[in-house]
N, C-alpha and C. Protein backbone atom coordinates (compact mmCIF):
# COMPACT_ATOMS: atom_id res chain seq x y z
N MET A 1 3.65 11.39 4.04
CA MET A 1 3.76 10.01 4.60
C MET A 1 4.44 9.13 3.65
N VAL A 2 5.27 8.24 4.15
CA VAL A 2 5.87 7.16 3.33
C VAL A 2 5.11 5.86 3.67
N LEU A 3 4.51 5.40 2.63
CA LEU A 3 3.68 4.23 2.79
C LEU A 3 4.36 3.02 2.19
N ALA A 4 4.42 1.93 2.89
CA ALA A 4 5.02 0.69 2.40
C ALA A 4 3.98 -0.44 2.39
N ALA A 5 3.88 -1.04 1.30
CA ALA A 5 2.90 -2.17 1.16
C ALA A 5 3.50 -3.48 1.37
N THR A 6 2.95 -4.23 2.26
CA THR A 6 3.46 -5.58 2.58
C THR A 6 2.31 -6.46 3.04
N PRO A 7 2.22 -7.70 2.55
CA PRO A 7 1.04 -8.52 2.97
C PRO A 7 0.96 -8.81 4.43
N ASP A 8 2.01 -8.70 5.15
CA ASP A 8 1.97 -9.03 6.64
C ASP A 8 1.65 -7.81 7.51
N ALA A 9 1.33 -6.71 6.94
CA ALA A 9 0.99 -5.57 7.73
C ALA A 9 -0.40 -5.71 8.39
N SER A 10 -0.55 -5.05 9.54
CA SER A 10 -1.85 -5.20 10.23
C SER A 10 -2.80 -4.07 9.92
N ILE A 11 -2.38 -3.04 9.24
CA ILE A 11 -3.22 -1.91 8.84
C ILE A 11 -3.69 -2.05 7.36
N SER A 12 -4.98 -1.96 7.12
CA SER A 12 -5.57 -2.11 5.80
C SER A 12 -5.35 -0.81 5.00
N LEU A 13 -5.19 -0.97 3.69
CA LEU A 13 -5.13 0.21 2.76
C LEU A 13 -6.45 0.90 3.00
N TRP A 14 -7.62 0.27 3.05
CA TRP A 14 -8.88 1.00 3.15
C TRP A 14 -9.01 1.82 4.42
N ASP A 15 -8.22 1.59 5.46
CA ASP A 15 -8.28 2.38 6.71
C ASP A 15 -7.20 3.45 6.73
N THR A 16 -6.59 3.71 5.65
CA THR A 16 -5.45 4.64 5.60
C THR A 16 -5.84 5.93 4.84
N ASP A 17 -5.56 7.08 5.46
CA ASP A 17 -5.83 8.38 4.84
C ASP A 17 -4.69 8.64 3.85
N LEU A 18 -5.08 8.71 2.55
CA LEU A 18 -4.08 8.90 1.50
C LEU A 18 -4.23 10.25 0.85
N THR A 19 -4.81 11.27 1.49
CA THR A 19 -5.12 12.58 0.88
C THR A 19 -4.00 13.57 0.98
N GLY A 20 -2.98 13.29 1.91
CA GLY A 20 -1.86 14.23 2.01
C GLY A 20 -0.73 13.87 1.10
N ALA A 21 0.43 14.53 1.31
CA ALA A 21 1.66 14.18 0.61
C ALA A 21 1.95 12.74 0.89
N LEU A 22 2.38 12.03 -0.25
CA LEU A 22 2.50 10.58 -0.19
C LEU A 22 3.62 10.07 -1.06
N ALA A 23 4.40 9.22 -0.51
CA ALA A 23 5.41 8.38 -1.22
C ALA A 23 5.04 6.96 -0.97
N VAL A 24 5.17 6.10 -1.96
CA VAL A 24 4.74 4.66 -1.78
C VAL A 24 5.93 3.78 -2.17
N ALA A 25 6.29 2.90 -1.21
CA ALA A 25 7.36 1.91 -1.46
C ALA A 25 6.65 0.53 -1.68
N ILE A 26 7.11 -0.12 -2.79
CA ILE A 26 6.59 -1.37 -3.19
C ILE A 26 7.82 -2.29 -3.24
N GLY A 27 7.72 -3.44 -2.63
CA GLY A 27 8.88 -4.38 -2.64
C GLY A 27 8.87 -5.28 -3.88
N ALA A 28 9.93 -5.97 -4.03
CA ALA A 28 10.05 -6.94 -5.14
C ALA A 28 9.10 -8.05 -4.91
N GLU A 29 8.57 -8.63 -6.03
CA GLU A 29 7.50 -9.62 -5.92
C GLU A 29 7.97 -10.87 -5.21
N ASP A 30 9.26 -11.23 -5.31
CA ASP A 30 9.73 -12.48 -4.70
C ASP A 30 10.42 -12.19 -3.36
N LEU A 31 10.99 -11.00 -3.17
CA LEU A 31 11.70 -10.70 -1.96
C LEU A 31 10.98 -9.84 -0.93
N GLY A 32 10.00 -9.07 -1.42
CA GLY A 32 9.29 -8.19 -0.53
C GLY A 32 10.10 -6.89 -0.26
N LEU A 33 9.71 -6.22 0.79
CA LEU A 33 10.45 -4.97 1.18
C LEU A 33 11.69 -5.23 1.96
N SER A 34 12.72 -4.47 1.73
CA SER A 34 13.96 -4.57 2.51
C SER A 34 13.68 -4.07 3.91
N GLU A 35 14.53 -4.48 4.85
CA GLU A 35 14.42 -3.94 6.20
C GLU A 35 14.57 -2.41 6.23
N ARG A 36 15.47 -1.90 5.38
CA ARG A 36 15.63 -0.46 5.31
C ARG A 36 14.39 0.27 4.88
N ALA A 37 13.73 -0.27 3.84
CA ALA A 37 12.45 0.30 3.37
C ALA A 37 11.38 0.30 4.52
N ARG A 38 11.35 -0.84 5.19
CA ARG A 38 10.41 -0.93 6.32
C ARG A 38 10.67 0.11 7.38
N SER A 39 11.97 0.34 7.67
CA SER A 39 12.32 1.24 8.75
C SER A 39 12.04 2.66 8.36
N ILE A 40 12.11 2.98 7.12
CA ILE A 40 11.89 4.39 6.61
C ILE A 40 10.36 4.71 6.56
N ALA A 41 9.58 3.63 6.38
CA ALA A 41 8.13 3.88 6.14
C ALA A 41 7.42 4.44 7.37
N SER A 42 6.53 5.40 7.13
CA SER A 42 5.65 5.91 8.22
C SER A 42 4.66 4.96 8.62
N ARG A 43 4.18 4.13 7.61
CA ARG A 43 3.13 3.17 7.95
C ARG A 43 3.29 1.99 6.95
N LEU A 44 3.17 0.79 7.50
CA LEU A 44 3.10 -0.42 6.68
C LEU A 44 1.59 -0.82 6.57
N ILE A 45 1.18 -1.00 5.31
CA ILE A 45 -0.19 -1.29 4.99
C ILE A 45 -0.28 -2.59 4.19
N ALA A 46 -1.45 -3.20 4.32
CA ALA A 46 -1.72 -4.45 3.50
C ALA A 46 -2.95 -4.11 2.56
N ILE A 47 -2.89 -4.62 1.40
CA ILE A 47 -3.99 -4.50 0.45
C ILE A 47 -5.01 -5.60 0.71
N PRO A 48 -6.21 -5.39 1.14
CA PRO A 48 -7.17 -6.46 1.47
C PRO A 48 -7.33 -7.36 0.28
N GLN A 49 -7.38 -8.67 0.54
CA GLN A 49 -7.60 -9.66 -0.51
C GLN A 49 -8.96 -10.36 -0.33
N ALA A 50 -9.60 -10.66 -1.36
CA ALA A 50 -10.92 -11.33 -1.25
C ALA A 50 -10.71 -12.79 -0.91
N THR A 51 -9.55 -13.35 -1.23
CA THR A 51 -9.22 -14.73 -1.01
C THR A 51 -7.84 -14.85 -0.38
N ARG A 52 -7.61 -15.81 0.38
CA ARG A 52 -6.36 -16.05 1.10
C ARG A 52 -5.40 -16.92 0.21
N ASN A 53 -5.86 -17.30 -0.99
CA ASN A 53 -5.11 -18.09 -1.92
C ASN A 53 -3.97 -17.43 -2.56
N VAL A 54 -3.88 -16.05 -2.46
CA VAL A 54 -2.90 -15.24 -3.11
C VAL A 54 -1.89 -14.75 -2.01
N ASP A 55 -0.65 -15.09 -2.15
CA ASP A 55 0.39 -14.70 -1.20
C ASP A 55 0.63 -13.10 -1.32
N SER A 56 0.75 -12.64 -2.56
CA SER A 56 0.98 -11.23 -2.77
C SER A 56 0.66 -10.90 -4.19
N LEU A 57 0.45 -9.61 -4.41
CA LEU A 57 0.14 -9.11 -5.80
C LEU A 57 1.44 -8.82 -6.55
N ASN A 58 1.36 -8.78 -7.79
CA ASN A 58 2.42 -8.30 -8.66
C ASN A 58 2.72 -6.85 -8.27
N ALA A 59 3.98 -6.49 -8.29
CA ALA A 59 4.39 -5.07 -7.79
C ALA A 59 3.63 -4.00 -8.51
N SER A 60 3.49 -4.12 -9.82
CA SER A 60 2.81 -3.02 -10.51
C SER A 60 1.33 -2.98 -10.25
N VAL A 61 0.71 -4.17 -10.00
CA VAL A 61 -0.71 -4.20 -9.61
C VAL A 61 -0.86 -3.58 -8.22
N ALA A 62 -0.01 -3.89 -7.30
CA ALA A 62 -0.10 -3.35 -5.95
C ALA A 62 0.03 -1.82 -6.03
N ALA A 63 0.95 -1.26 -6.79
CA ALA A 63 1.15 0.12 -6.89
C ALA A 63 -0.14 0.75 -7.55
N GLY A 64 -0.68 0.09 -8.54
CA GLY A 64 -1.95 0.63 -9.17
C GLY A 64 -3.06 0.68 -8.26
N VAL A 65 -3.22 -0.39 -7.39
CA VAL A 65 -4.35 -0.38 -6.40
C VAL A 65 -4.20 0.77 -5.41
N ILE A 66 -3.00 0.97 -4.88
CA ILE A 66 -2.72 2.00 -3.92
C ILE A 66 -2.95 3.38 -4.52
N LEU A 67 -2.43 3.63 -5.75
CA LEU A 67 -2.58 4.91 -6.37
C LEU A 67 -4.04 5.21 -6.74
N PHE A 68 -4.73 4.14 -7.20
CA PHE A 68 -6.17 4.34 -7.47
C PHE A 68 -6.93 4.73 -6.22
N GLU A 69 -6.62 4.09 -5.09
CA GLU A 69 -7.29 4.46 -3.82
C GLU A 69 -6.97 5.86 -3.42
N ALA A 70 -5.72 6.29 -3.60
CA ALA A 70 -5.35 7.66 -3.29
C ALA A 70 -6.09 8.63 -4.14
N ALA A 71 -6.20 8.37 -5.44
CA ALA A 71 -6.99 9.25 -6.33
C ALA A 71 -8.49 9.27 -5.94
N ARG A 72 -9.02 8.11 -5.62
CA ARG A 72 -10.39 7.99 -5.20
C ARG A 72 -10.68 8.84 -3.97
N GLN A 73 -9.76 8.72 -2.92
CA GLN A 73 -10.00 9.44 -1.70
C GLN A 73 -9.88 10.99 -2.00
N ARG A 74 -8.95 11.39 -2.85
CA ARG A 74 -8.75 12.82 -3.10
C ARG A 74 -9.89 13.40 -3.92
N THR A 75 -10.51 12.60 -4.75
CA THR A 75 -11.66 13.04 -5.58
C THR A 75 -12.91 13.14 -4.72
N THR A 76 -13.20 12.10 -3.95
CA THR A 76 -14.40 12.09 -3.17
C THR A 76 -14.33 13.14 -1.97
N GLN A 77 -13.16 13.42 -1.57
CA GLN A 77 -12.95 14.48 -0.47
C GLN A 77 -13.48 15.76 -0.88
N HIS A 78 -13.32 16.10 -2.16
CA HIS A 78 -13.72 17.45 -2.62
C HIS A 78 -15.13 17.49 -3.16
N ARG A 79 -15.89 16.46 -2.99
CA ARG A 79 -17.34 16.53 -3.54
C ARG A 79 -18.28 16.87 -2.43
């Protein structure tokens, strides 16, 4: 699956199965994802925010959150 993170996506990261083969696309902090990246993605996801005061996360932070969730799902799946 090719996963693209964007704040305007309607699917939450928490509702996404990340246990299979995975590629993650992260857009630039100021420009977001290109239309090409959006079109290639299998799924557009949003990282849930506790507050609406944040427009988007730093690109490296977003990548870390997504990869941590993928690792968490893969670890708990085998227990």
